[in-house]
Amino acid sequence: MNGPAERASATASAARGSRSEQARRALAARIMDGTLAPGTPLRIGVLSHELGMSATPVREALNLLTGEKLVDYLPMRGFVVTMPPDDDQVRWMGEARLLLEPELAALAAARATASQREDLAATLERTRSAGVGARFSEYEGYLQHSSAFHAEIAGAARNPYLAAALEAIPVHTLRFRRFGDAGVDDAEVSLAEHREVLEAVQRGDEDAARAAMSAHVRGVTARSLGSAGSP
């Protein structure tokens, strides 16, 4: 059984993790809403003062955002806000997704457990119920649930190498940076595409799941290239 010192350490670690997530969300909102423009230096001391927390959770938040491709770490300069993806990057991400996600969906149709199919349906419902306003705080839930749907498909495929390859493409967050002041403008059609994927997985129809996910990725890529917020 853990003693007082171990419990105190675990409590402190959990609290720090919570503060790191608070800092990550606050900074992500500023980046996604354009308050922090591309190229803006992100000074840990300044941000700590603004956010009212110590340097450690702010540094951890910046490292998390670096993994999400919202922040870059540059030698001799430190952390800076990344540029939104240009059209070439969107096309490259679409090509990579087309190599991965249709096959993940087909594998999920073949391998998903009953529990995983239920979880996918619940995630789709949460996505449908989430808001899609113009500000990050208004569409954050939609973004999280939509991303989770794809991650759960990958998990249900039960191939950790393919899942890891997909996880390395932060397409959802980057795509949302290209929307204009109106915010998310393709929620209805994207949800319908997710529904097609879900129904194919639930039926165990590998070919239909592959085709539905391929259509979704192609559609998302085309809509991202046509977004009002494109550079």
C-alpha atoms as a PDB file:
ATOM      1  CA  MET A   1       0.000   0.000   0.000  1.00  0.00           C
ATOM      2  CA  ASN A   2       1.342   3.441  -0.873  1.00  0.00           C
ATOM      3  CA  GLY A   3       2.445   5.603   2.004  1.00  0.00           C
ATOM      4  CA  PRO A   4       1.674   9.302   2.575  1.00  0.00           C
ATOM      5  CA  ALA A   5       4.658  10.449   0.506  1.00  0.00           C
ATOM      6  CA  GLU A   6       3.641   8.350  -2.499  1.00  0.00           C
ATOM      7  CA  ARG A   7       0.025   9.497  -2.259  1.00  0.00           C
ATOM      8  CA  ALA A   8       1.091  13.125  -2.002  1.00  0.00           C
ATOM      9  CA  SER A   9       3.327  12.711  -5.034  1.00  0.00           C
ATOM     10  CA  ALA A  10       0.528  11.113  -7.048  1.00  0.00           C
ATOM     11  CA  THR A  11      -1.874  13.904  -6.045  1.00  0.00           C
ATOM     12  CA  ALA A  12       0.641  16.569  -7.050  1.00  0.00           C
ATOM     13  CA  SER A  13       1.235  14.846 -10.390  1.00  0.00           C
ATOM     14  CA  ALA A  14      -2.502  14.669 -11.098  1.00  0.00           C
ATOM     15  CA  ALA A  15      -2.937  18.331 -10.198  1.00  0.00           C
ATOM     16  CA  ARG A  16      -0.045  19.333 -12.436  1.00  0.00           C
ATOM     17  CA  GLY A  17      -1.545  17.282 -15.261  1.00  0.00           C
ATOM     18  CA  SER A  18      -4.854  19.055 -14.790  1.00  0.00           C
ATOM     19  CA  ARG A  19      -3.153  22.451 -14.910  1.00  0.00           C
ATOM     20  CA  SER A  20      -1.230  21.404 -18.016  1.00  0.00           C
ATOM     21  CA  GLU A  21      -4.493  20.500 -19.732  1.00  0.00           C
ATOM     22  CA  GLN A  22      -6.045  23.798 -18.654  1.00  0.00           C
ATOM     23  CA  ALA A  23      -3.063  25.634 -20.136  1.00  0.00           C
ATOM     24  CA  ARG A  24      -3.200  23.535 -23.309  1.00  0.00           C
ATOM     25  CA  ARG A  25      -6.882  24.304 -23.854  1.00  0.00           C
ATOM     26  CA  ALA A  26      -6.434  28.011 -23.145  1.00  0.00           C
ATOM     27  CA  LEU A  27      -3.529  28.330 -25.562  1.00  0.00           C
ATOM     28  CA  ALA A  28      -5.196  26.140 -28.200  1.00  0.00           C
ATOM     29  CA  ALA A  29      -8.219  28.441 -28.087  1.00  0.00           C
ATOM     30  CA  ARG A  30      -6.049  31.509 -28.644  1.00  0.00           C
ATOM     31  CA  ILE A  31      -4.293  29.858 -31.571  1.00  0.00           C
ATOM     32  CA  MET A  32      -7.423  28.445 -33.189  1.00  0.00           C
ATOM     33  CA  ASP A  33      -9.296  31.752 -32.811  1.00  0.00           C
ATOM     34  CA  GLY A  34      -6.377  33.752 -34.203  1.00  0.00           C
ATOM     35  CA  THR A  35      -5.683  35.719 -31.031  1.00  0.00           C
ATOM     36  CA  LEU A  36      -2.159  34.307 -31.210  1.00  0.00           C
ATOM     37  CA  ALA A  37      -1.154  34.832 -34.829  1.00  0.00           C
ATOM     38  CA  PRO A  38       1.146  32.452 -36.738  1.00  0.00           C
ATOM     39  CA  GLY A  39       4.773  33.129 -35.867  1.00  0.00           C
ATOM     40  CA  THR A  40       3.977  34.651 -32.467  1.00  0.00           C
ATOM     41  CA  PRO A  41       6.679  33.818 -29.884  1.00  0.00           C
ATOM     42  CA  LEU A  42       5.330  31.917 -26.883  1.00  0.00           C
ATOM     43  CA  ARG A  43       7.361  32.944 -23.819  1.00  0.00           C
ATOM     44  CA  ILE A  44       6.835  30.635 -20.881  1.00  0.00           C
ATOM     45  CA  GLY A  45       7.297  33.377 -18.300  1.00  0.00           C
ATOM     46  CA  VAL A  46       4.801  35.693 -19.981  1.00  0.00           C
ATOM     47  CA  LEU A  47       2.244  32.928 -20.470  1.00  0.00           C
ATOM     48  CA  SER A  48       2.656  31.753 -16.871  1.00  0.00           C
ATOM     49  CA  HIS A  49       1.798  35.253 -15.683  1.00  0.00           C
ATOM     50  CA  GLU A  50      -1.167  35.564 -18.050  1.00  0.00           C
ATOM     51  CA  LEU A  51      -2.568  32.148 -17.153  1.00  0.00           C
ATOM     52  CA  GLY A  52      -1.864  32.467 -13.428  1.00  0.00           C
ATOM     53  CA  MET A  53       0.123  29.255 -13.110  1.00  0.00           C
ATOM     54  CA  SER A  54       3.710  28.120 -12.737  1.00  0.00           C
ATOM     55  CA  ALA A  55       6.110  27.519 -15.608  1.00  0.00           C
ATOM     56  CA  THR A  56       5.958  23.704 -15.435  1.00  0.00           C
ATOM     57  CA  PRO A  57       2.347  23.167 -16.645  1.00  0.00           C
ATOM     58  CA  VAL A  58       2.781  25.888 -19.264  1.00  0.00           C
ATOM     59  CA  ARG A  59       5.906  24.188 -20.616  1.00  0.00           C
ATOM     60  CA  GLU A  60       4.088  20.840 -20.634  1.00  0.00           C
ATOM     61  CA  ALA A  61       1.155  22.441 -22.473  1.00  0.00           C
ATOM     62  CA  LEU A  62       3.477  23.868 -25.127  1.00  0.00           C
ATOM     63  CA  ASN A  63       5.049  20.452 -25.620  1.00  0.00           C
ATOM     64  CA  LEU A  64       1.582  18.931 -26.070  1.00  0.00           C
ATOM     65  CA  LEU A  65       0.662  21.618 -28.591  1.00  0.00           C
ATOM     66  CA  THR A  66       3.898  20.927 -30.438  1.00  0.00           C
ATOM     67  CA  GLY A  67       2.702  17.352 -30.868  1.00  0.00           C
ATOM     68  CA  GLU A  68      -0.593  18.691 -32.227  1.00  0.00           C
ATOM     69  CA  LYS A  69       1.333  20.854 -34.744  1.00  0.00           C
ATOM     70  CA  LEU A  70      -0.147  24.064 -33.351  1.00  0.00           C
ATOM     71  CA  VAL A  71       3.222  25.100 -31.915  1.00  0.00           C
ATOM     72  CA  ASP A  72       6.783  24.737 -33.200  1.00  0.00           C
ATOM     73  CA  TYR A  73       9.980  24.697 -31.187  1.00  0.00           C
ATOM     74  CA  LEU A  74      12.720  26.565 -33.041  1.00  0.00           C
ATOM     75  CA  PRO A  75      16.392  26.529 -32.011  1.00  0.00           C
ATOM     76  CA  MET A  76      17.493  29.885 -30.578  1.00  0.00           C
ATOM     77  CA  ARG A  77      13.900  31.163 -30.697  1.00  0.00           C
ATOM     78  CA  GLY A  78      11.904  28.804 -28.531  1.00  0.00           C
ATOM     79  CA  PHE A  79       8.200  28.079 -28.982  1.00  0.00           C
ATOM     80  CA  VAL A  80       6.223  29.878 -31.709  1.00  0.00           C
ATOM     81  CA  VAL A  81       2.731  29.516 -33.177  1.00  0.00           C
ATOM     82  CA  THR A  82       2.780  27.420 -36.351  1.00  0.00           C
ATOM     83  CA  MET A  83       1.469  28.520 -39.711  1.00  0.00           C
ATOM     84  CA  PRO A  84      -1.913  27.050 -40.735  1.00  0.00           C
ATOM     85  CA  PRO A  85      -1.572  24.243 -43.285  1.00  0.00           C
ATOM     86  CA  ASP A  86      -1.410  25.368 -46.891  1.00  0.00           C
ATOM     87  CA  ASP A  87      -3.135  23.630 -49.788  1.00  0.00           C
ATOM     88  CA  ASP A  88      -0.192  21.321 -50.452  1.00  0.00           C
ATOM     89  CA  GLN A  89      -0.153  20.160 -46.817  1.00  0.00           C
ATOM     90  CA  VAL A  90      -3.882  19.489 -46.941  1.00  0.00           C
ATOM     91  CA  ARG A  91      -3.455  17.382 -50.081  1.00  0.00           C
ATOM     92  CA  TRP A  92      -0.536  15.462 -48.545  1.00  0.00           C
ATOM     93  CA  MET A  93      -2.526  14.741 -45.399  1.00  0.00           C
ATOM     94  CA  GLY A  94      -5.420  13.580 -47.542  1.00  0.00           C
ATOM     95  CA  GLU A  95      -3.150  11.232 -49.491  1.00  0.00           C
ATOM     96  CA  ALA A  96      -1.732   9.786 -46.280  1.00  0.00           C
ATOM     97  CA  ARG A  97      -5.176   9.302 -44.803  1.00  0.00           C
ATOM     98  CA  LEU A  98      -6.396   7.544 -47.942  1.00  0.00           C
ATOM     99  CA  LEU A  99      -3.608   5.012 -47.551  1.00  0.00           C
ATOM    100  CA  LEU A 100      -4.500   4.341 -43.926  1.00  0.00           C
ATOM    101  CA  GLU A 101      -8.076   5.034 -42.936  1.00  0.00           C
ATOM    102  CA  PRO A 102     -10.069   3.012 -45.478  1.00  0.00           C
ATOM    103  CA  GLU A 103      -8.073  -0.080 -44.523  1.00  0.00           C
ATOM    104  CA  LEU A 104      -8.471   0.687 -40.820  1.00  0.00           C
ATOM    105  CA  ALA A 105     -12.226   0.941 -41.359  1.00  0.00           C
ATOM    106  CA  ALA A 106     -12.280  -2.371 -43.221  1.00  0.00           C
ATOM    107  CA  LEU A 107     -10.304  -4.037 -40.433  1.00  0.00           C
ATOM    108  CA  ALA A 108     -12.629  -2.502 -37.855  1.00  0.00           C
ATOM    109  CA  ALA A 109     -15.614  -3.983 -39.698  1.00  0.00           C
ATOM    110  CA  ALA A 110     -13.957  -7.386 -39.488  1.00  0.00           C
ATOM    111  CA  ARG A 111     -12.592  -7.171 -35.945  1.00  0.00           C
ATOM    112  CA  ALA A 112     -14.606  -4.715 -33.833  1.00  0.00           C
ATOM    113  CA  THR A 113     -16.198  -6.157 -30.718  1.00  0.00           C
ATOM    114  CA  ALA A 114     -19.798  -5.499 -29.794  1.00  0.00           C
ATOM    115  CA  SER A 115     -18.588  -3.085 -27.124  1.00  0.00           C
ATOM    116  CA  GLN A 116     -16.465  -1.179 -29.619  1.00  0.00           C
ATOM    117  CA  ARG A 117     -19.391  -0.883 -32.020  1.00  0.00           C
ATOM    118  CA  GLU A 118     -21.514   0.513 -29.184  1.00  0.00           C
ATOM    119  CA  ASP A 119     -18.770   2.972 -28.277  1.00  0.00           C
ATOM    120  CA  LEU A 120     -18.550   4.173 -31.875  1.00  0.00           C
ATOM    121  CA  ALA A 121     -22.290   4.784 -31.974  1.00  0.00           C
ATOM    122  CA  ALA A 122     -22.111   6.708 -28.694  1.00  0.00           C
ATOM    123  CA  THR A 123     -19.226   8.827 -29.960  1.00  0.00           C
ATOM    124  CA  LEU A 124     -21.107   9.646 -33.145  1.00  0.00           C
ATOM    125  CA  GLU A 125     -24.110  10.737 -31.066  1.00  0.00           C
ATOM    126  CA  ARG A 126     -21.889  12.961 -28.902  1.00  0.00           C
ATOM    127  CA  THR A 127     -20.452  14.498 -32.056  1.00  0.00           C
ATOM    128  CA  ARG A 128     -23.930  15.158 -33.396  1.00  0.00           C
ATOM    129  CA  SER A 129     -24.998  16.805 -30.143  1.00  0.00           C
ATOM    130  CA  ALA A 130     -21.922  19.042 -29.848  1.00  0.00           C
ATOM    131  CA  GLY A 131     -21.999  22.678 -30.870  1.00  0.00           C
ATOM    132  CA  VAL A 132     -20.276  24.082 -33.948  1.00  0.00           C
ATOM    133  CA  GLY A 133     -20.070  27.831 -33.369  1.00  0.00           C
ATOM    134  CA  ALA A 134     -17.394  30.140 -34.717  1.00  0.00           C
ATOM    135  CA  ARG A 135     -15.168  30.193 -31.620  1.00  0.00           C
ATOM    136  CA  PHE A 136     -12.944  27.344 -30.423  1.00  0.00           C
ATOM    137  CA  SER A 137     -14.840  27.179 -27.133  1.00  0.00           C
ATOM    138  CA  GLU A 138     -18.023  26.587 -29.137  1.00  0.00           C
ATOM    139  CA  TYR A 139     -16.746  23.797 -31.397  1.00  0.00           C
ATOM    140  CA  GLU A 140     -14.094  22.217 -29.165  1.00  0.00           C
ATOM    141  CA  GLY A 141     -16.414  19.368 -28.182  1.00  0.00           C
ATOM    142  CA  TYR A 142     -17.309  18.656 -31.803  1.00  0.00           C
ATOM    143  CA  LEU A 143     -13.627  18.584 -32.719  1.00  0.00           C
ATOM    144  CA  GLN A 144     -12.783  16.222 -29.853  1.00  0.00           C
ATOM    145  CA  HIS A 145     -15.623  13.793 -30.554  1.00  0.00           C
ATOM    146  CA  SER A 146     -15.055  13.798 -34.314  1.00  0.00           C
ATOM    147  CA  SER A 147     -11.369  13.059 -33.754  1.00  0.00           C
ATOM    148  CA  ALA A 148     -12.268  10.362 -31.233  1.00  0.00           C
ATOM    149  CA  PHE A 149     -14.495   8.625 -33.789  1.00  0.00           C
ATOM    150  CA  HIS A 150     -11.533   8.151 -36.122  1.00  0.00           C
ATOM    151  CA  ALA A 151      -9.275   7.068 -33.259  1.00  0.00           C
ATOM    152  CA  GLU A 152     -11.848   4.490 -32.133  1.00  0.00           C
ATOM    153  CA  ILE A 153     -12.101   3.105 -35.667  1.00  0.00           C
ATOM    154  CA  ALA A 154      -8.329   2.717 -35.617  1.00  0.00           C
ATOM    155  CA  GLY A 155      -8.482   1.044 -32.218  1.00  0.00           C
ATOM    156  CA  ALA A 156     -11.158  -1.374 -33.357  1.00  0.00           C
ATOM    157  CA  ALA A 157      -8.928  -2.388 -36.290  1.00  0.00           C
ATOM    158  CA  ARG A 158      -6.556  -3.868 -33.704  1.00  0.00           C
ATOM    159  CA  ASN A 159      -3.388  -3.043 -35.615  1.00  0.00           C
ATOM    160  CA  PRO A 160      -1.208  -0.801 -33.427  1.00  0.00           C
ATOM    161  CA  TYR A 161       1.213   0.022 -36.236  1.00  0.00           C
ATOM    162  CA  LEU A 162      -1.496   1.379 -38.516  1.00  0.00           C
ATOM    163  CA  ALA A 163      -3.101   3.197 -35.593  1.00  0.00           C
ATOM    164  CA  ALA A 164       0.220   4.829 -34.663  1.00  0.00           C
ATOM    165  CA  ALA A 165       0.742   5.933 -38.261  1.00  0.00           C
ATOM    166  CA  LEU A 166      -2.660   7.612 -38.288  1.00  0.00           C
ATOM    167  CA  GLU A 167      -2.061   9.250 -34.920  1.00  0.00           C
ATOM    168  CA  ALA A 168       1.008  10.970 -36.364  1.00  0.00           C
ATOM    169  CA  ILE A 169      -1.249  12.961 -38.731  1.00  0.00           C
ATOM    170  CA  PRO A 170      -2.953  15.729 -36.670  1.00  0.00           C
ATOM    171  CA  VAL A 171      -5.362  16.382 -39.491  1.00  0.00           C
ATOM    172  CA  HIS A 172      -8.427  17.277 -37.442  1.00  0.00           C
ATOM    173  CA  THR A 173      -6.919  20.186 -35.518  1.00  0.00           C
ATOM    174  CA  LEU A 174      -5.050  21.509 -38.550  1.00  0.00           C
ATOM    175  CA  ARG A 175      -8.131  21.280 -40.761  1.00  0.00           C
ATOM    176  CA  PHE A 176     -10.154  23.358 -38.334  1.00  0.00           C
ATOM    177  CA  ARG A 177      -7.635  26.197 -38.549  1.00  0.00           C
ATOM    178  CA  ARG A 178      -8.713  26.719 -42.149  1.00  0.00           C
ATOM    179  CA  PHE A 179     -12.325  27.569 -41.355  1.00  0.00           C
ATOM    180  CA  GLY A 180     -13.307  31.229 -41.537  1.00  0.00           C
ATOM    181  CA  ASP A 181     -15.207  33.425 -39.107  1.00  0.00           C
ATOM    182  CA  ALA A 182     -18.379  31.376 -39.601  1.00  0.00           C
ATOM    183  CA  GLY A 183     -16.734  28.419 -37.900  1.00  0.00           C
ATOM    184  CA  VAL A 184     -17.282  24.783 -38.827  1.00  0.00           C
ATOM    185  CA  ASP A 185     -19.297  24.732 -42.027  1.00  0.00           C
ATOM    186  CA  ASP A 186     -19.451  21.044 -42.937  1.00  0.00           C
ATOM    187  CA  ALA A 187     -20.696  19.397 -39.742  1.00  0.00           C
ATOM    188  CA  GLU A 188     -23.903  18.025 -41.249  1.00  0.00           C
ATOM    189  CA  VAL A 189     -22.278  16.360 -44.245  1.00  0.00           C
ATOM    190  CA  SER A 190     -19.328  15.104 -42.181  1.00  0.00           C
ATOM    191  CA  LEU A 191     -21.692  13.515 -39.664  1.00  0.00           C
ATOM    192  CA  ALA A 192     -23.583  11.812 -42.489  1.00  0.00           C
ATOM    193  CA  GLU A 193     -20.286  10.390 -43.774  1.00  0.00           C
ATOM    194  CA  HIS A 194     -19.397   9.165 -40.294  1.00  0.00           C
ATOM    195  CA  ARG A 195     -22.800   7.501 -40.120  1.00  0.00           C
ATOM    196  CA  GLU A 196     -22.084   5.593 -43.343  1.00  0.00           C
ATOM    197  CA  VAL A 197     -18.813   4.336 -41.894  1.00  0.00           C
ATOM    198  CA  LEU A 198     -20.450   3.349 -38.615  1.00  0.00           C
ATOM    199  CA  GLU A 199     -23.260   1.424 -40.257  1.00  0.00           C
ATOM    200  CA  ALA A 200     -20.810  -0.521 -42.419  1.00  0.00           C
ATOM    201  CA  VAL A 201     -18.698  -1.387 -39.365  1.00  0.00           C
ATOM    202  CA  GLN A 202     -21.786  -2.430 -37.428  1.00  0.00           C
ATOM    203  CA  ARG A 203     -22.806  -4.757 -40.276  1.00  0.00           C
ATOM    204  CA  GLY A 204     -19.303  -6.186 -40.495  1.00  0.00           C
ATOM    205  CA  ASP A 205     -19.174  -5.162 -44.163  1.00  0.00           C
ATOM    206  CA  GLU A 206     -15.484  -4.628 -44.906  1.00  0.00           C
ATOM    207  CA  ASP A 207     -15.927  -3.423 -48.492  1.00  0.00           C
ATOM    208  CA  ALA A 208     -18.622  -0.928 -47.535  1.00  0.00           C
ATOM    209  CA  ALA A 209     -16.576   0.353 -44.596  1.00  0.00           C
ATOM    210  CA  ARG A 210     -13.547   0.834 -46.843  1.00  0.00           C
ATOM    211  CA  ALA A 211     -15.615   2.673 -49.460  1.00  0.00           C
ATOM    212  CA  ALA A 212     -17.412   4.850 -46.906  1.00  0.00           C
ATOM    213  CA  MET A 213     -14.199   5.931 -45.211  1.00  0.00           C
ATOM    214  CA  SER A 214     -12.546   6.602 -48.552  1.00  0.00           C
ATOM    215  CA  ALA A 215     -15.471   8.817 -49.554  1.00  0.00           C
ATOM    216  CA  HIS A 216     -15.284  10.642 -46.228  1.00  0.00           C
ATOM    217  CA  VAL A 217     -11.550  11.333 -46.457  1.00  0.00           C
ATOM    218  CA  ARG A 218     -11.880  12.538 -50.045  1.00  0.00           C
ATOM    219  CA  GLY A 219     -14.802  14.751 -49.072  1.00  0.00           C
ATOM    220  CA  VAL A 220     -13.062  16.237 -46.046  1.00  0.00           C
ATOM    221  CA  THR A 221      -9.957  16.975 -48.099  1.00  0.00           C
ATOM    222  CA  ALA A 222     -11.976  18.691 -50.826  1.00  0.00           C
ATOM    223  CA  ARG A 223     -13.939  20.739 -48.284  1.00  0.00           C
ATOM    224  CA  SER A 224     -10.742  21.741 -46.484  1.00  0.00           C
ATOM    225  CA  LEU A 225      -9.275  23.004 -49.733  1.00  0.00           C
ATOM    226  CA  GLY A 226     -12.439  24.983 -50.346  1.00  0.00           C
ATOM    227  CA  SER A 227     -12.794  26.419 -46.808  1.00  0.00           C
ATOM    228  CA  ALA A 228     -13.267  30.159 -46.554  1.00  0.00           C
ATOM    229  CA  GLY A 229     -10.361  30.332 -44.168  1.00  0.00           C
ATOM    230  CA  SER A 230      -7.863  28.783 -46.568  1.00  0.00           C
ATOM    231  CA  PRO A 231      -4.613  30.682 -46.936  1.00  0.00           C
END
